[in-house]
């Protein structure tokens, strides 16, 4: 008798399709044949070729009508405080501003690019001021003559993440220059808390001054007013803040920007003139992504939510530290610093006297262990603290190896009975 066997039917797995939101930070530095024109002599440079490109170039972020305008007569003094930061080999151009006589501030990615990308050649970077009716002034980074530029830079991050969790709040850099070309024209850093900026924006007190690739012939542009908000159409703050590592110090604004505006200051007018409330770094984008079985099968066009700036509170402490720092400038000193940090178990790189990412990480780790603010600066004060700890370890080790002893006399035994023993009177 033949037994019929039914074929086993297995259900086919369901094809799961879902829509989720993806976010990113599009950076606003520019690469073009611009560096040559920026470096050219004279008070005006020819416009950049529209067909040129660079890995970090993004379309400009203009919200509605383009409100950018040339500086009015009463604000032209800002050309003595805000300049161009450029590197001719990579054709990278950003905006930077004076934060001290010989210190400038800009976006960190203008120097170190982003996570996984190769940093710029620091020896080729120059900062240029172009005051109205005056000779152009420019300077390299301090230490350039000795290939020691890296230790004269304080930065929030040297490997910036531009996808969630976005660490935009670390996208700042403070640079000490070879020459004090900013003397007398530093922009003060505002102490207004980030929470107060919404009210200042509502009163139309916030504005931006920057260079843009597509504006004039490398003329400063004024963007005013700059609305600052938390939530936007289709992008609620509760969702936005999850995309950033530290949303508390992130400023989302809708002032019009263009290529090369990375590093430009967001400003308010204080009692003594313009004050910096933040550094513009890029544009916050959201896009819908279609996924199937966990794999992305289609990306929809990204939508611009707002421009992004780093609040002043994020970099003000590092600026104060850099202003008073005695930076180690010799190779011998850097060798000693590497050796001391290696003895702490914090530095695992080559003992070569070169300030690189590993040494920066080790310095930050030591500062963190001490309970200090992280600056990453290779300073004489840091060296002194490390040397004191090394001396203490040597002293402790020496005391462990020294075991003092005391000899005592021998004690004999009595062999006579107690009643016959003669005790000293």
Foldseek 3Di string as FASTA:
>chain_A
DDDDDDDDDDDDDDKDKDKDKWKFWQWFKFAFCVVVQQPDFDLFGAFTDPPGGAPRFDFWFADPDAQKDFDDPVPLLCLLFKWWKAFNVRRIIAIWGAAALFKIKFWQCSAQNAAPDHGDQQLRIKTWRRRPPDGIDMFGFPLSVVSAQVLQKFFLDNHAGGTFQGARLRGMMMTGTPGRSSVPPHAAADPDAPVCVQVCLVVFFKKWWTFASPDDRRGIIIFTRKHWDQAFVVGHNVNVVRSYPCCRFKTFINTIGHHNHGTTFIWGQDPVGIHGFWTWTGWMWMWMFMDIPRHTDDTDDIDTGTTITGTSVSCVVLVVCSVPFAADNDLVLLLLLQVLLVVVVQADDDSRSHDDPSQLRSQQVVCVVVVHHRGSRRGPVSSVVSVVVVVVVVVVVVVVVDDDDDDDDDDDDDPDDPVPDDDDD
